[in-house]
PDB file of N, CA and C in Angstrom:
ATOM      1  N   UNK A   1    -187.835  88.954 -27.248  1.00  0.00           N
ATOM      2  CA  UNK A   1    -186.434  88.569 -27.253  1.00  0.00           C
ATOM      3  C   UNK A   1    -186.313  87.276 -28.056  1.00  0.00           C
ATOM      4  N   UNK A   2    -185.492  87.284 -29.086  1.00  0.00           N
ATOM      5  CA  UNK A   2    -185.209  86.097 -29.867  1.00  0.00           C
ATOM      6  C   UNK A   2    -183.818  85.606 -29.494  1.00  0.00           C
ATOM      7  N   UNK A   3    -183.719  84.339 -29.152  1.00  0.00           N
ATOM      8  CA  UNK A   3    -182.449  83.809 -28.670  1.00  0.00           C
ATOM      9  C   UNK A   3    -181.792  82.922 -29.712  1.00  0.00           C
ATOM     10  N   UNK A   4    -180.477  82.992 -29.753  1.00  0.00           N
ATOM     11  CA  UNK A   4    -179.678  82.110 -30.570  1.00  0.00           C
ATOM     12  C   UNK A   4    -178.507  81.659 -29.737  1.00  0.00           C
ATOM     13  N   UNK A   5    -177.690  80.802 -30.268  1.00  0.00           N
ATOM     14  CA  UNK A   5    -176.573  80.316 -29.465  1.00  0.00           C
ATOM     15  C   UNK A   5    -175.562  81.427 -29.190  1.00  0.00           C
ATOM     16  N   UNK A   6    -175.198  82.191 -30.210  1.00  0.00           N
ATOM     17  CA  UNK A   6    -174.224  83.259 -30.019  1.00  0.00           C
ATOM     18  C   UNK A   6    -174.743  84.614 -30.467  1.00  0.00           C
ATOM     19  N   UNK A   7    -176.027  84.720 -30.663  1.00  0.00           N
ATOM     20  CA  UNK A   7    -176.583  86.017 -31.009  1.00  0.00           C
ATOM     21  C   UNK A   7    -178.015  86.104 -30.501  1.00  0.00           C
ATOM     22  N   UNK A   8    -178.552  87.267 -30.537  1.00  0.00           N
ATOM     23  CA  UNK A   8    -179.926  87.483 -30.084  1.00  0.00           C
ATOM     24  C   UNK A   8    -180.409  88.795 -30.655  1.00  0.00           C
ATOM     25  N   UNK A   9    -181.712  88.965 -30.661  1.00  0.00           N
ATOM     26  CA  UNK A   9    -182.315  90.243 -31.004  1.00  0.00           C
ATOM     27  C   UNK A   9    -183.153  90.659 -29.811  1.00  0.00           C
ATOM     28  N   UNK A  10    -182.868  91.830 -29.269  1.00  0.00           N
ATOM     29  CA  UNK A  10    -183.543  92.309 -28.068  1.00  0.00           C
ATOM     30  C   UNK A  10    -184.157  93.662 -28.374  1.00  0.00           C
ATOM     31  N   UNK A  11    -185.424  93.810 -28.047  1.00  0.00           N
ATOM     32  CA  UNK A  11    -186.113  95.094 -28.178  1.00  0.00           C
ATOM     33  C   UNK A  11    -186.507  95.551 -26.780  1.00  0.00           C
ATOM     34  N   UNK A  12    -185.681  96.394 -26.152  1.00  0.00           N
ATOM     35  CA  UNK A  12    -185.992  96.838 -24.794  1.00  0.00           C
ATOM     36  C   UNK A  12    -187.336  97.564 -24.741  1.00  0.00           C
ATOM     37  N   UNK A  13    -188.099  97.312 -23.692  1.00  0.00           N
ATOM     38  CA  UNK A  13    -189.434  97.896 -23.573  1.00  0.00           C
ATOM     39  C   UNK A  13    -189.400  99.403 -23.315  1.00  0.00           C
ATOM     40  N   UNK A  14    -188.280  99.910 -22.819  1.00  0.00           N
ATOM     41  CA  UNK A  14    -188.192 101.337 -22.504  1.00  0.00           C
ATOM     42  C   UNK A  14    -187.758 102.196 -23.690  1.00  0.00           C
ATOM     43  N   UNK A  15    -187.518 101.578 -24.849  1.00  0.00           N
ATOM     44  CA  UNK A  15    -187.168 102.338 -26.051  1.00  0.00           C
ATOM     45  C   UNK A  15    -188.138 101.990 -27.161  1.00  0.00           C
ATOM     46  N   UNK A  16    -188.438 102.954 -27.988  1.00  0.00           N
ATOM     47  CA  UNK A  16    -189.377 102.733 -29.088  1.00  0.00           C
ATOM     48  C   UNK A  16    -188.597 102.534 -30.381  1.00  0.00           C
ATOM     49  N   UNK A  17    -188.716 101.359 -30.974  1.00  0.00           N
ATOM     50  CA  UNK A  17    -188.095 101.099 -32.264  1.00  0.00           C
ATOM     51  C   UNK A  17    -186.646 100.662 -32.223  1.00  0.00           C
ATOM     52  N   UNK A  18    -186.047 100.542 -31.058  1.00  0.00           N
ATOM     53  CA  UNK A  18    -184.647 100.115 -30.956  1.00  0.00           C
ATOM     54  C   UNK A  18    -184.581  98.607 -30.820  1.00  0.00           C
ATOM     55  N   UNK A  19    -183.750  97.984 -31.639  1.00  0.00           N
ATOM     56  CA  UNK A  19    -183.508  96.545 -31.536  1.00  0.00           C
ATOM     57  C   UNK A  19    -182.004  96.323 -31.529  1.00  0.00           C
ATOM     58  N   UNK A  20    -181.545  95.593 -30.534  1.00  0.00           N
ATOM     59  CA  UNK A  20    -180.139  95.214 -30.453  1.00  0.00           C
ATOM     60  C   UNK A  20    -180.016  93.813 -31.034  1.00  0.00           C
ATOM     61  N   UNK A  21    -179.099  93.643 -31.979  1.00  0.00           N
ATOM     62  CA  UNK A  21    -178.966  92.360 -32.654  1.00  0.00           C
ATOM     63  C   UNK A  21    -177.537  91.861 -32.607  1.00  0.00           C
ATOM     64  N   UNK A  22    -177.366  90.583 -32.923  1.00  0.00           N
ATOM     65  CA  UNK A  22    -176.050  89.975 -33.005  1.00  0.00           C
ATOM     66  C   UNK A  22    -175.367  89.913 -31.662  1.00  0.00           C
ATOM     67  N   UNK A  23    -174.068  90.167 -31.662  1.00  0.00           N
ATOM     68  CA  UNK A  23    -173.265  90.076 -30.442  1.00  0.00           C
ATOM     69  C   UNK A  23    -173.755  91.043 -29.374  1.00  0.00           C
ATOM     70  N   UNK A  24    -174.123  92.267 -29.772  1.00  0.00           N
ATOM     71  CA  UNK A  24    -174.611  93.268 -28.812  1.00  0.00           C
ATOM     72  C   UNK A  24    -175.918  92.791 -28.180  1.00  0.00           C
ATOM     73  N   UNK A  25    -176.815  92.235 -28.982  1.00  0.00           N
ATOM     74  CA  UNK A  25    -178.068  91.695 -28.458  1.00  0.00           C
ATOM     75  C   UNK A  25    -177.833  90.523 -27.519  1.00  0.00           C
ATOM     76  N   UNK A  26    -176.897  89.663 -27.900  1.00  0.00           N
ATOM     77  CA  UNK A  26    -176.538  88.509 -27.071  1.00  0.00           C
ATOM     78  C   UNK A  26    -175.999  88.970 -25.719  1.00  0.00           C
ATOM     79  N   UNK A  27    -175.112  89.954 -25.740  1.00  0.00           N
ATOM     80  CA  UNK A  27    -174.533  90.484 -24.507  1.00  0.00           C
ATOM     81  C   UNK A  27    -175.598  91.154 -23.651  1.00  0.00           C
ATOM     82  N   UNK A  28    -176.484  91.930 -24.272  1.00  0.00           N
ATOM     83  CA  UNK A  28    -177.562  92.591 -23.528  1.00  0.00           C
ATOM     84  C   UNK A  28    -178.486  91.566 -22.882  1.00  0.00           C
ATOM     85  N   UNK A  29    -178.769  90.483 -23.586  1.00  0.00           N
ATOM     86  CA  UNK A  29    -179.622  89.431 -23.031  1.00  0.00           C
ATOM     87  C   UNK A  29    -178.976  88.800 -21.806  1.00  0.00           C
ATOM     88  N   UNK A  30    -177.672  88.527 -21.901  1.00  0.00           N
ATOM     89  CA  UNK A  30    -176.976  87.918 -20.758  1.00  0.00           C
ATOM     90  C   UNK A  30    -176.936  88.867 -19.561  1.00  0.00           C
ATOM     91  N   UNK A  31    -176.693  90.140 -19.810  1.00  0.00           N
ATOM     92  CA  UNK A  31    -176.679  91.120 -18.718  1.00  0.00           C
ATOM     93  C   UNK A  31    -178.052  91.199 -18.065  1.00  0.00           C
ATOM     94  N   UNK A  32    -179.107  91.244 -18.878  1.00  0.00           N
ATOM     95  CA  UNK A  32    -180.469  91.291 -18.331  1.00  0.00           C
ATOM     96  C   UNK A  32    -180.755  90.047 -17.502  1.00  0.00           C
ATOM     97  N   UNK A  33    -180.317  88.900 -17.978  1.00  0.00           N
ATOM     98  CA  UNK A  33    -180.518  87.654 -17.247  1.00  0.00           C
ATOM     99  C   UNK A  33    -179.810  87.704 -15.890  1.00  0.00           C
ATOM    100  N   UNK A  34    -178.550  88.140 -15.891  1.00  0.00           N
ATOM    101  CA  UNK A  34    -177.803  88.212 -14.633  1.00  0.00           C
ATOM    102  C   UNK A  34    -178.447  89.179 -13.646  1.00  0.00           C
ATOM    103  N   UNK A  35    -178.900  90.320 -14.134  1.00  0.00           N
ATOM    104  CA  UNK A  35    -179.522  91.318 -13.263  1.00  0.00           C
ATOM    105  C   UNK A  35    -180.771  90.760 -12.594  1.00  0.00           C
ATOM    106  N   UNK A  36    -181.502  89.923 -13.300  1.00  0.00           N
ATOM    107  CA  UNK A  36    -182.763  89.403 -12.776  1.00  0.00           C
ATOM    108  C   UNK A  36    -182.607  88.198 -11.857  1.00  0.00           C
ATOM    109  N   UNK A  37    -181.405  87.675 -11.720  1.00  0.00           N
ATOM    110  CA  UNK A  37    -181.195  86.569 -10.786  1.00  0.00           C
ATOM    111  C   UNK A  37    -181.407  87.064  -9.358  1.00  0.00           C
ATOM    112  N   UNK A  38    -181.868  86.179  -8.473  1.00  0.00           N
ATOM    113  CA  UNK A  38    -182.305  86.634  -7.147  1.00  0.00           C
ATOM    114  C   UNK A  38    -181.203  87.105  -6.199  1.00  0.00           C
ATOM    115  N   UNK A  39    -180.003  86.539  -6.297  1.00  0.00           N
ATOM    116  CA  UNK A  39    -178.944  86.913  -5.347  1.00  0.00           C
ATOM    117  C   UNK A  39    -177.612  87.094  -6.059  1.00  0.00           C
ATOM    118  N   UNK A  40    -176.696  87.770  -5.379  1.00  0.00           N
ATOM    119  CA  UNK A  40    -175.340  87.923  -5.920  1.00  0.00           C
ATOM    120  C   UNK A  40    -174.661  86.563  -6.067  1.00  0.00           C
ATOM    121  N   UNK A  41    -174.947  85.655  -5.148  1.00  0.00           N
ATOM    122  CA  UNK A  41    -174.362  84.309  -5.227  1.00  0.00           C
ATOM    123  C   UNK A  41    -174.757  83.638  -6.545  1.00  0.00           C
ATOM    124  N   UNK A  42    -176.034  83.746  -6.905  1.00  0.00           N
ATOM    125  CA  UNK A  42    -176.492  83.174  -8.169  1.00  0.00           C
ATOM    126  C   UNK A  42    -175.804  83.848  -9.359  1.00  0.00           C
ATOM    127  N   UNK A  43    -175.676  85.160  -9.296  1.00  0.00           N
ATOM    128  CA  UNK A  43    -175.030  85.905 -10.392  1.00  0.00           C
ATOM    129  C   UNK A  43    -173.593  85.445 -10.590  1.00  0.00           C
ATOM    130  N   UNK A  44    -172.873  85.277  -9.495  1.00  0.00           N
ATOM    131  CA  UNK A  44    -171.476  84.839  -9.574  1.00  0.00           C
ATOM    132  C   UNK A  44    -171.399  83.415 -10.124  1.00  0.00           C
ATOM    133  N   UNK A  45    -172.256  82.526  -9.636  1.00  0.00           N
ATOM    134  CA  UNK A  45    -172.235  81.142 -10.106  1.00  0.00           C
ATOM    135  C   UNK A  45    -172.523  81.054 -11.600  1.00  0.00           C
ATOM    136  N   UNK A  46    -173.536  81.768 -12.054  1.00  0.00           N
ATOM    137  CA  UNK A  46    -173.889  81.742 -13.475  1.00  0.00           C
ATOM    138  C   UNK A  46    -172.781  82.398 -14.303  1.00  0.00           C
ATOM    139  N   UNK A  47    -172.260  83.528 -13.830  1.00  0.00           N
ATOM    140  CA  UNK A  47    -171.178  84.203 -14.546  1.00  0.00           C
ATOM    141  C   UNK A  47    -169.954  83.332 -14.693  1.00  0.00           C
ATOM    142  N   UNK A  48    -169.568  82.647 -13.628  1.00  0.00           N
ATOM    143  CA  UNK A  48    -168.411  81.740 -13.685  1.00  0.00           C
ATOM    144  C   UNK A  48    -168.691  80.580 -14.638  1.00  0.00           C
ATOM    145  N   UNK A  49    -169.911  80.056 -14.584  1.00  0.00           N
ATOM    146  CA  UNK A  49    -170.284  78.967 -15.483  1.00  0.00           C
ATOM    147  C   UNK A  49    -170.155  79.395 -16.941  1.00  0.00           C
ATOM    148  N   UNK A  50    -170.679  80.589 -17.256  1.00  0.00           N
ATOM    149  CA  UNK A  50    -170.576  81.089 -18.632  1.00  0.00           C
ATOM    150  C   UNK A  50    -169.122  81.302 -19.035  1.00  0.00           C
ATOM    151  N   UNK A  51    -168.317  81.841 -18.133  1.00  0.00           N
ATOM    152  CA  UNK A  51    -166.912  82.092 -18.424  1.00  0.00           C
ATOM    153  C   UNK A  51    -166.164  80.785 -18.685  1.00  0.00           C
ATOM    154  N   UNK A  52    -166.399  79.779 -17.839  1.00  0.00           N
ATOM    155  CA  UNK A  52    -165.730  78.489 -18.021  1.00  0.00           C
ATOM    156  C   UNK A  52    -166.149  77.823 -19.325  1.00  0.00           C
ATOM    157  N   UNK A  53    -167.437  77.874 -19.646  1.00  0.00           N
ATOM    158  CA  UNK A  53    -167.907  77.285 -20.894  1.00  0.00           C
ATOM    159  C   UNK A  53    -167.280  77.980 -22.096  1.00  0.00           C
ATOM    160  N   UNK A  54    -167.206  79.291 -22.034  1.00  0.00           N
ATOM    161  CA  UNK A  54    -166.594  80.046 -23.112  1.00  0.00           C
ATOM    162  C   UNK A  54    -165.122  79.676 -23.275  1.00  0.00           C
ATOM    163  N   UNK A  55    -164.434  79.521 -22.154  1.00  0.00           N
ATOM    164  CA  UNK A  55    -163.013  79.148 -22.184  1.00  0.00           C
ATOM    165  C   UNK A  55    -162.824  77.761 -22.775  1.00  0.00           C
ATOM    166  N   UNK A  56    -163.632  76.801 -22.342  1.00  0.00           N
ATOM    167  CA  UNK A  56    -163.538  75.431 -22.851  1.00  0.00           C
ATOM    168  C   UNK A  56    -163.840  75.410 -24.351  1.00  0.00           C
ATOM    169  N   UNK A  57    -164.867  76.131 -24.775  1.00  0.00           N
ATOM    170  CA  UNK A  57    -165.203  76.190 -26.208  1.00  0.00           C
ATOM    171  C   UNK A  57    -164.065  76.795 -27.022  1.00  0.00           C
ATOM    172  N   UNK A  58    -163.421  77.827 -26.496  1.00  0.00           N
ATOM    173  CA  UNK A  58    -162.306  78.470 -27.195  1.00  0.00           C
ATOM    174  C   UNK A  58    -161.121  77.525 -27.317  1.00  0.00           C
ATOM    175  N   UNK A  59    -160.805  76.818 -26.244  1.00  0.00           N
ATOM    176  CA  UNK A  59    -159.693  75.862 -26.277  1.00  0.00           C
ATOM    177  C   UNK A  59    -159.986  74.747 -27.275  1.00  0.00           C
ATOM    178  N   UNK A  60    -161.215  74.257 -27.295  1.00  0.00           N
ATOM    179  CA  UNK A  60    -161.600  73.203 -28.245  1.00  0.00           C
ATOM    180  C   UNK A  60    -161.462  73.691 -29.688  1.00  0.00           C
ATOM    181  N   UNK A  61    -161.851  74.927 -29.941  1.00  0.00           N
ATOM    182  CA  UNK A  61    -161.730  75.492 -31.286  1.00  0.00           C
ATOM    183  C   UNK A  61    -160.267  75.589 -31.702  1.00  0.00           C
ATOM    184  N   UNK A  62    -159.421  76.042 -30.795  1.00  0.00           N
ATOM    185  CA  UNK A  62    -157.986  76.149 -31.086  1.00  0.00           C
ATOM    186  C   UNK A  62    -157.389  74.773 -31.346  1.00  0.00           C
ATOM    187  N   UNK A  63    -157.769  73.790 -30.536  1.00  0.00           N
ATOM    188  CA  UNK A  63    -157.264  72.428 -30.736  1.00  0.00           C
ATOM    189  C   UNK A  63    -157.682  71.883 -32.098  1.00  0.00           C
ATOM    190  N   UNK A  64    -158.910  72.126 -32.492  1.00  0.00           N
ATOM    191  CA  UNK A  64    -159.391  71.674 -33.793  1.00  0.00           C
ATOM    192  C   UNK A  64    -158.611  72.343 -34.919  1.00  0.00           C
ATOM    193  N   UNK A  65    -158.376  73.640 -34.793  1.00  0.00           N
ATOM    194  CA  UNK A  65    -157.615  74.360 -35.829  1.00  0.00           C
ATOM    195  C   UNK A  65    -156.186  73.827 -35.922  1.00  0.00           C
ATOM    196  N   UNK A  66    -155.555  73.586 -34.779  1.00  0.00           N
ATOM    197  CA  UNK A  66    -154.188  73.068 -34.785  1.00  0.00           C
ATOM    198  C   UNK A  66    -154.121  71.671 -35.372  1.00  0.00           C
ATOM    199  N   UNK A  67    -155.098  70.837 -35.047  1.00  0.00           N
ATOM    200  CA  UNK A  67    -155.135  69.486 -35.591  1.00  0.00           C
ATOM    201  C   UNK A  67    -155.280  69.512 -37.103  1.00  0.00           C
ATOM    202  N   UNK A  68    -156.142  70.383 -37.610  1.00  0.00           N
ATOM    203  CA  UNK A  68    -156.321  70.507 -39.055  1.00  0.00           C
ATOM    204  C   UNK A  68    -155.061  71.031 -39.708  1.00  0.00           C
ATOM    205  N   UNK A  69    -154.396  71.981 -39.077  1.00  0.00           N
ATOM    206  CA  UNK A  69    -153.162  72.547 -39.640  1.00  0.00           C
ATOM    207  C   UNK A  69    -152.058  71.478 -39.694  1.00  0.00           C
ATOM    208  N   UNK A  70    -151.983  70.653 -38.657  1.00  0.00           N
ATOM    209  CA  UNK A  70    -150.953  69.619 -38.624  1.00  0.00           C
ATOM    210  C   UNK A  70    -151.224  68.527 -39.650  1.00  0.00           C
ATOM    211  N   UNK A  71    -152.486  68.248 -39.913  1.00  0.00           N
ATOM    212  CA  UNK A  71    -152.806  67.169 -40.858  1.00  0.00           C
ATOM    213  C   UNK A  71    -152.788  67.680 -42.304  1.00  0.00           C
ATOM    214  N   UNK A  72    -152.660  69.003 -42.469  1.00  0.00           N
ATOM    215  CA  UNK A  72    -152.587  69.569 -43.820  1.00  0.00           C
ATOM    216  C   UNK A  72    -153.937  69.804 -44.462  1.00  0.00           C
ATOM    217  N   UNK A  73    -155.007  69.756 -43.700  1.00  0.00           N
ATOM    218  CA  UNK A  73    -156.350  69.972 -44.260  1.00  0.00           C
ATOM    219  C   UNK A  73    -156.697  71.421 -44.290  1.00  0.00           C
TER     220      UNK A  73
END
């Protein structure tokens, strides 16, 4: 499994020659990670953490775009 910030390459052990890359690989890696957590409580906590981080990152990106648009850059 090769990890990146927003992408990954995953070669599942149960398939021969299949590699999931990019967004699909990233999503598969996160799902595998959640499945392997020890309890549902951990899964919910990690899932909420990822969701909140994604939301904050999206809002920051929108704010940056709006600021650039207002300044004419």
